[in-house]
Amino acid sequence: MAGDQTPRPAGEPDDIPSGAGQGWTALSYLIGGMLVWGFIGWLVDQWLDTGGVATGIGVVLGMAGGIILVVRRLGTPT
Protein backbone atom coordinates (compact mmCIF):
# COMPACT_ATOMS: atom_id res chain seq x y z
CA MET A 1 0.00 0.00 0.00
CA ALA A 2 1.01 3.63 -0.25
CA GLY A 3 1.89 3.87 3.42
CA ASP A 4 4.29 0.92 3.23
CA GLN A 5 6.81 2.69 0.99
CA THR A 6 9.91 4.09 2.63
CA PRO A 7 10.71 7.66 1.59
CA ARG A 8 13.90 8.31 -0.36
CA PRO A 9 16.48 10.26 1.62
CA ALA A 10 16.94 13.77 0.24
CA GLY A 11 20.25 15.35 -0.64
CA GLU A 12 21.85 12.53 -2.59
CA PRO A 13 24.39 13.69 -5.20
CA ASP A 14 22.35 12.32 -8.11
CA ASP A 15 19.12 14.05 -7.05
CA ILE A 16 17.67 16.20 -9.82
CA PRO A 17 15.52 19.07 -8.58
CA SER A 18 12.11 19.27 -10.17
CA GLY A 19 9.94 22.16 -11.26
CA ALA A 20 10.92 25.53 -9.92
CA GLY A 21 14.03 24.04 -8.33
CA GLN A 22 15.48 23.36 -11.77
CA GLY A 23 14.83 26.93 -12.85
CA TRP A 24 16.46 28.42 -9.76
CA THR A 25 19.42 26.07 -10.12
CA ALA A 26 19.92 27.03 -13.77
CA LEU A 27 19.56 30.73 -13.01
CA SER A 28 22.04 30.58 -10.14
CA TYR A 29 24.61 28.74 -12.29
CA LEU A 30 24.33 31.35 -15.03
CA ILE A 31 24.39 34.40 -12.78
CA GLY A 32 27.08 32.94 -10.54
CA GLY A 33 29.34 32.15 -13.48
CA MET A 34 28.89 35.62 -14.94
CA LEU A 35 29.61 37.32 -11.61
CA VAL A 36 32.63 35.22 -10.66
CA TRP A 37 34.33 35.27 -14.07
CA GLY A 38 33.31 38.88 -14.67
CA PHE A 39 34.96 39.84 -11.38
CA ILE A 40 38.10 37.89 -12.32
CA GLY A 41 38.10 39.73 -15.66
CA TRP A 42 37.70 43.04 -13.85
CA LEU A 43 40.70 42.21 -11.67
CA VAL A 44 42.72 41.43 -14.81
CA ASP A 45 41.54 44.77 -16.27
CA GLN A 46 42.75 46.61 -13.20
CA TRP A 47 46.07 44.79 -13.30
CA LEU A 48 46.77 45.17 -17.05
CA ASP A 49 44.73 48.38 -17.68
CA THR A 50 42.97 46.90 -20.72
CA GLY A 51 39.89 49.14 -20.58
CA GLY A 52 37.17 46.56 -19.91
CA VAL A 53 38.11 43.96 -22.49
CA ALA A 54 38.99 41.32 -19.91
CA THR A 55 35.75 42.00 -18.02
CA GLY A 56 33.70 41.32 -21.16
CA ILE A 57 35.67 38.18 -21.89
CA GLY A 58 35.20 37.05 -18.29
CA VAL A 59 31.43 37.55 -18.44
CA VAL A 60 31.18 35.61 -21.71
CA LEU A 61 33.32 32.79 -20.32
CA GLY A 62 31.16 32.76 -17.18
CA MET A 63 28.00 32.44 -19.26
CA ALA A 64 29.52 29.60 -21.27
CA GLY A 65 30.61 27.83 -18.11
CA GLY A 66 27.17 28.31 -16.58
CA ILE A 67 25.50 26.84 -19.65
CA ILE A 68 27.83 23.84 -19.54
CA LEU A 69 27.00 23.30 -15.85
CA VAL A 70 23.26 23.58 -16.52
CA VAL A 71 23.43 21.04 -19.34
CA ARG A 72 25.53 18.62 -17.28
CA ARG A 73 23.47 18.94 -14.11
CA LEU A 74 19.96 19.40 -15.48
CA GLY A 75 20.24 17.84 -18.92
CA THR A 76 18.51 14.68 -19.99
CA PRO A 77 18.53 12.19 -17.12
CA THR A 78 20.33 8.94 -17.87
C-alpha atoms as a PDB file:
ATOM      1  CA  MET A   1       0.000   0.000   0.000  1.00  0.00           C
ATOM      2  CA  ALA A   2       1.008   3.629  -0.254  1.00  0.00           C
ATOM      3  CA  GLY A   3       1.890   3.874   3.421  1.00  0.00           C
ATOM      4  CA  ASP A   4       4.287   0.917   3.233  1.00  0.00           C
ATOM      5  CA  GLN A   5       6.811   2.688   0.994  1.00  0.00           C
ATOM      6  CA  THR A   6       9.912   4.087   2.633  1.00  0.00           C
ATOM      7  CA  PRO A   7      10.710   7.656   1.591  1.00  0.00           C
ATOM      8  CA  ARG A   8      13.902   8.308  -0.358  1.00  0.00           C
ATOM      9  CA  PRO A   9      16.481  10.263   1.617  1.00  0.00           C
ATOM     10  CA  ALA A  10      16.944  13.773   0.245  1.00  0.00           C
ATOM     11  CA  GLY A  11      20.246  15.346  -0.636  1.00  0.00           C
ATOM     12  CA  GLU A  12      21.848  12.529  -2.587  1.00  0.00           C
ATOM     13  CA  PRO A  13      24.389  13.689  -5.204  1.00  0.00           C
ATOM     14  CA  ASP A  14      22.345  12.324  -8.111  1.00  0.00           C
ATOM     15  CA  ASP A  15      19.124  14.052  -7.049  1.00  0.00           C
ATOM     16  CA  ILE A  16      17.674  16.199  -9.825  1.00  0.00           C
ATOM     17  CA  PRO A  17      15.520  19.066  -8.585  1.00  0.00           C
ATOM     18  CA  SER A  18      12.106  19.267 -10.168  1.00  0.00           C
ATOM     19  CA  GLY A  19       9.943  22.159 -11.263  1.00  0.00           C
ATOM     20  CA  ALA A  20      10.919  25.530  -9.919  1.00  0.00           C
ATOM     21  CA  GLY A  21      14.033  24.044  -8.332  1.00  0.00           C
ATOM     22  CA  GLN A  22      15.484  23.364 -11.774  1.00  0.00           C
ATOM     23  CA  GLY A  23      14.829  26.928 -12.849  1.00  0.00           C
ATOM     24  CA  TRP A  24      16.456  28.419  -9.763  1.00  0.00           C
ATOM     25  CA  THR A  25      19.420  26.068 -10.124  1.00  0.00           C
ATOM     26  CA  ALA A  26      19.924  27.031 -13.774  1.00  0.00           C
ATOM     27  CA  LEU A  27      19.559  30.734 -13.006  1.00  0.00           C
ATOM     28  CA  SER A  28      22.037  30.579 -10.144  1.00  0.00           C
ATOM     29  CA  TYR A  29      24.611  28.735 -12.288  1.00  0.00           C
ATOM     30  CA  LEU A  30      24.334  31.346 -15.034  1.00  0.00           C
ATOM     31  CA  ILE A  31      24.392  34.400 -12.782  1.00  0.00           C
ATOM     32  CA  GLY A  32      27.082  32.940 -10.538  1.00  0.00           C
ATOM     33  CA  GLY A  33      29.339  32.151 -13.479  1.00  0.00           C
ATOM     34  CA  MET A  34      28.891  35.624 -14.941  1.00  0.00           C
ATOM     35  CA  LEU A  35      29.606  37.317 -11.614  1.00  0.00           C
ATOM     36  CA  VAL A  36      32.628  35.224 -10.660  1.00  0.00           C
ATOM     37  CA  TRP A  37      34.333  35.273 -14.068  1.00  0.00           C
ATOM     38  CA  GLY A  38      33.313  38.882 -14.669  1.00  0.00           C
ATOM     39  CA  PHE A  39      34.964  39.835 -11.385  1.00  0.00           C
ATOM     40  CA  ILE A  40      38.097  37.892 -12.321  1.00  0.00           C
ATOM     41  CA  GLY A  41      38.098  39.729 -15.660  1.00  0.00           C
ATOM     42  CA  TRP A  42      37.697  43.043 -13.849  1.00  0.00           C
ATOM     43  CA  LEU A  43      40.696  42.212 -11.675  1.00  0.00           C
ATOM     44  CA  VAL A  44      42.721  41.434 -14.810  1.00  0.00           C
ATOM     45  CA  ASP A  45      41.544  44.768 -16.274  1.00  0.00           C
ATOM     46  CA  GLN A  46      42.755  46.606 -13.204  1.00  0.00           C
ATOM     47  CA  TRP A  47      46.066  44.789 -13.305  1.00  0.00           C
ATOM     48  CA  LEU A  48      46.767  45.173 -17.048  1.00  0.00           C
ATOM     49  CA  ASP A  49      44.734  48.378 -17.680  1.00  0.00           C
ATOM     50  CA  THR A  50      42.973  46.899 -20.724  1.00  0.00           C
ATOM     51  CA  GLY A  51      39.894  49.135 -20.580  1.00  0.00           C
ATOM     52  CA  GLY A  52      37.174  46.563 -19.906  1.00  0.00           C
ATOM     53  CA  VAL A  53      38.106  43.964 -22.494  1.00  0.00           C
ATOM     54  CA  ALA A  54      38.987  41.321 -19.913  1.00  0.00           C
ATOM     55  CA  THR A  55      35.745  41.995 -18.021  1.00  0.00           C
ATOM     56  CA  GLY A  56      33.703  41.322 -21.157  1.00  0.00           C
ATOM     57  CA  ILE A  57      35.669  38.179 -21.888  1.00  0.00           C
ATOM     58  CA  GLY A  58      35.201  37.046 -18.293  1.00  0.00           C
ATOM     59  CA  VAL A  59      31.426  37.553 -18.437  1.00  0.00           C
ATOM     60  CA  VAL A  60      31.181  35.611 -21.710  1.00  0.00           C
ATOM     61  CA  LEU A  61      33.317  32.788 -20.316  1.00  0.00           C
ATOM     62  CA  GLY A  62      31.159  32.760 -17.175  1.00  0.00           C
ATOM     63  CA  MET A  63      27.997  32.435 -19.258  1.00  0.00           C
ATOM     64  CA  ALA A  64      29.516  29.605 -21.273  1.00  0.00           C
ATOM     65  CA  GLY A  65      30.615  27.827 -18.109  1.00  0.00           C
ATOM     66  CA  GLY A  66      27.169  28.310 -16.578  1.00  0.00           C
ATOM     67  CA  ILE A  67      25.500  26.835 -19.650  1.00  0.00           C
ATOM     68  CA  ILE A  68      27.834  23.842 -19.540  1.00  0.00           C
ATOM     69  CA  LEU A  69      26.996  23.297 -15.852  1.00  0.00           C
ATOM     70  CA  VAL A  70      23.258  23.576 -16.525  1.00  0.00           C
ATOM     71  CA  VAL A  71      23.435  21.038 -19.341  1.00  0.00           C
ATOM     72  CA  ARG A  72      25.529  18.616 -17.276  1.00  0.00           C
ATOM     73  CA  ARG A  73      23.468  18.942 -14.108  1.00  0.00           C
ATOM     74  CA  LEU A  74      19.957  19.403 -15.480  1.00  0.00           C
ATOM     75  CA  GLY A  75      20.240  17.841 -18.922  1.00  0.00           C
ATOM     76  CA  THR A  76      18.510  14.683 -19.992  1.00  0.00           C
ATOM     77  CA  PRO A  77      18.531  12.185 -17.117  1.00  0.00           C
ATOM     78  CA  THR A  78      20.331   8.939 -17.871  1.00  0.00           C
END
